[in-house]
Structure formats: C-alpha cells, structure tokens
Protein backbone atom coordinates (compact mmCIF):
# COMPACT_ATOMS: atom_id res chain seq x y z
CA UNK A 1 154.78 104.63 161.62
CA UNK A 2 158.34 105.76 162.30
CA UNK A 3 158.75 108.37 165.03
CA UNK A 4 162.09 110.15 165.48
CA UNK A 5 163.07 109.91 169.09
CA UNK A 6 166.61 111.34 169.11
CA UNK A 7 168.21 114.05 166.96
CA UNK A 8 171.69 115.29 167.80
CA UNK A 9 174.84 116.83 166.32
CA UNK A 10 178.36 115.65 167.13
CA UNK A 11 181.16 118.09 166.25
CA UNK A 12 184.47 116.70 165.01
CA UNK A 13 185.77 114.55 162.15
CA UNK A 14 183.96 111.22 161.96
CA UNK A 15 186.43 108.37 161.58
CA UNK A 16 185.97 105.35 159.31
CA UNK A 17 186.06 102.09 161.25
CA UNK A 18 187.73 100.20 158.40
CA UNK A 19 190.45 102.83 157.96
CA UNK A 20 191.05 103.59 161.62
CA UNK A 21 192.77 100.43 162.79
CA UNK A 22 196.45 100.07 163.58
CA UNK A 23 198.53 96.95 164.03
CA UNK A 24 200.23 96.52 167.40
CA UNK A 25 201.85 93.63 169.24
CA UNK A 26 200.27 92.61 172.55
CA UNK A 27 201.88 89.79 174.53
CA UNK A 28 203.87 88.85 171.44
CA UNK A 29 200.78 88.54 169.22
CA UNK A 30 199.75 90.97 166.46
CA UNK A 31 196.43 92.71 167.10
CA UNK A 32 194.42 95.38 165.32
CA UNK A 33 193.24 98.15 167.62
CA UNK A 34 191.47 101.47 167.06
CA UNK A 35 193.64 104.37 166.00
CA UNK A 36 194.12 107.32 168.30
CA UNK A 37 191.92 109.45 166.00
CA UNK A 38 189.04 106.91 166.25
CA UNK A 39 189.41 106.79 170.04
CA UNK A 40 189.42 110.61 170.18
CA UNK A 41 186.23 110.76 168.10
CA UNK A 42 184.50 108.19 170.32
CA UNK A 43 185.51 110.27 173.35
CA UNK A 44 184.04 113.37 171.67
CA UNK A 45 180.77 111.50 171.10
CA UNK A 46 180.58 110.51 174.76
CA UNK A 47 181.27 114.13 175.81
CA UNK A 48 178.73 115.68 173.43
CA UNK A 49 175.80 113.25 173.53
CA UNK A 50 173.93 113.15 176.82
CA UNK A 51 173.10 109.63 177.98
CA UNK A 52 169.38 108.85 178.00
CA UNK A 53 168.01 107.92 181.40
CA UNK A 54 166.17 105.04 179.72
CA UNK A 55 167.99 103.54 176.77
CA UNK A 56 165.92 103.00 173.62
CA UNK A 57 164.66 99.44 173.28
CA UNK A 58 163.55 97.26 170.41
CA UNK A 59 164.28 97.62 166.70
CA UNK A 60 165.69 101.00 165.70
CA UNK A 61 166.43 103.02 162.59
CA UNK A 62 169.45 105.30 162.20
CA UNK A 63 170.35 108.08 159.77
CA UNK A 64 173.51 110.18 159.77
CA UNK A 65 174.46 113.20 157.68
CA UNK A 66 178.25 113.21 157.95
CA UNK A 67 180.11 116.41 157.09
CA UNK A 68 183.80 115.75 156.39
CA UNK A 69 186.51 118.42 156.03
CA UNK A 70 187.91 116.80 152.84
CA UNK A 71 186.93 114.24 150.22
CA UNK A 72 189.51 111.73 151.54
CA UNK A 73 187.36 110.08 154.22
CA UNK A 74 185.10 107.13 153.46
CA UNK A 75 181.42 107.37 154.33
CA UNK A 76 181.17 105.12 157.37
CA UNK A 77 178.89 105.69 160.38
CA UNK A 78 180.16 102.56 162.20
CA UNK A 79 182.23 104.42 164.79
CA UNK A 80 179.21 106.61 165.59
CA UNK A 81 176.98 103.54 166.00
CA UNK A 82 179.54 101.95 168.34
CA UNK A 83 180.01 105.13 170.38
CA UNK A 84 176.26 105.60 170.93
CA UNK A 85 175.99 102.22 172.67
CA UNK A 86 175.11 102.83 176.29
CA UNK A 87 174.15 106.44 175.55
CA UNK A 88 171.12 106.11 173.29
CA UNK A 89 170.58 102.34 172.97
CA UNK A 90 171.96 99.26 174.67
CA UNK A 91 173.59 97.64 171.64
CA UNK A 92 174.04 98.64 168.00
CA UNK A 93 172.57 95.27 167.00
CA UNK A 94 169.22 96.97 167.66
CA UNK A 95 169.79 99.08 164.56
CA UNK A 96 167.89 97.36 161.75
CA UNK A 97 167.72 100.19 159.22
CA UNK A 98 170.73 102.41 158.44
CA UNK A 99 171.18 105.27 156.01
CA UNK A 100 173.86 107.92 155.73
CA UNK A 101 174.85 110.79 153.47
CA UNK A 102 178.24 112.39 152.91
CA UNK A 103 178.81 116.15 152.70
CA UNK A 104 181.76 118.53 152.80
CA UNK A 105 182.28 121.25 155.39
CA UNK A 106 185.95 122.03 155.95
CA UNK A 107 185.19 124.59 158.66
CA UNK A 108 182.79 122.59 160.83
CA UNK A 109 183.03 118.80 160.34
CA UNK A 110 180.24 117.03 162.19
CA UNK A 111 177.71 114.23 162.31
CA UNK A 112 174.01 115.05 162.46
CA UNK A 113 172.13 111.89 163.40
CA UNK A 114 168.63 110.64 164.12
CA UNK A 115 167.56 107.44 165.86
CA UNK A 116 163.97 106.25 165.85
CA UNK A 117 161.88 103.28 166.90
CA UNK A 118 160.88 101.04 163.99
CA UNK A 119 157.25 100.05 164.29
CA UNK A 120 156.18 96.83 162.63
CA UNK A 121 159.69 95.75 161.63
CA UNK A 122 159.76 92.09 160.52
CA UNK A 123 163.23 90.51 160.60
CA UNK A 124 162.01 87.82 158.18
CA UNK A 125 162.08 90.49 155.47
CA UNK A 126 159.53 92.44 153.47
CA UNK A 127 156.58 90.73 151.88
CA UNK A 128 156.38 90.50 148.07
CA UNK A 129 153.81 93.31 148.10
CA UNK A 130 156.16 95.55 150.10
CA UNK A 131 159.05 94.71 147.76
CA UNK A 132 157.03 95.81 144.75
CA UNK A 133 156.21 99.13 146.40
CA UNK A 134 159.74 99.84 147.63
CA UNK A 135 161.77 98.98 144.52
CA UNK A 136 161.36 100.08 140.92
CA UNK A 137 160.40 97.27 138.60
CA UNK A 138 162.73 96.26 135.78
CA UNK A 139 161.56 96.90 132.24
CA UNK A 140 161.99 94.40 129.41
CA UNK A 141 164.61 96.69 127.84
CA UNK A 142 166.75 96.88 130.96
CA UNK A 143 166.52 93.14 131.56
CA UNK A 144 167.40 92.24 127.99
CA UNK A 145 170.29 94.73 127.84
CA UNK A 146 171.77 93.25 131.02
CA UNK A 147 171.85 89.78 129.44
CA UNK A 148 173.71 90.85 126.30
C-alpha cells in the first residue's frame, strides 16, 4: 500500500539539471557549476517548502506535475529532488520510484509534487508475476513486425 505523506506546490520555473550548468574556471581548472537560474529555483524551494521535523525515512516514491511557462524547457525533476534533500527526506537516493508530467501555464509556472513511503519495495526487482501484471504482453504480430 502506498500512502501519500507530503503534497506541496512550489511556485516558479523549474530548471532542468542537464541544461542549467555553466562552465567556469576555479583555481585554473574548468568546472561545471549550477547556473544562477538553477540556484534561484533551489532557493525558492527552500523558502516555500517547510522542513519536516522528522525527515522521511526508507524507500520513497515521488511524482511531480511540472507547469512550465513555455515549451522550451525539458521535463526534468532532478533539481526539485536535490532541493528537497534535508527538507522532506535525508537524501534523494531514497527515491526509488519517480514519475513526472509536463504541462504549460505561462502565467503561473510551478511544481506540484507528492512524496510517499513505498511499502514492500524490493530493490532486487519485481517478480515475474509482478512483471506480467505491470506490463502489456507482446502479441505475435508485434513481435514478428519488429523483426522484419
């Protein structure tokens, strides 16, 4: 059973981790660091999400509905996951199940997220029975058309 423990909305434009790096030189060596827009978004997360007195423990699931102001941004909840460390959970390595959806809202960009405790999560993977229930089975037509 999966129980939602945290629901929250963060206002602002969610930044893509892969597209929010900039190259700088530190002590004569090139380094990639977060862009100022990614740092500003992380700051907004820390201002808008109240820290839990007791951080969530164990294996967690995460879902984010991300509303972007334009179609230019990539769907990427990584910066949100990083920013929630120390506020909701100790480390984003606890997140074992991630989903996200992309929407447009040019007037009110935001991230609506949920974090929940995963009960019965097995890091060895699903059993064959669970795989059959979770994924559609291939038909002979689809298998044979893929080979040709």
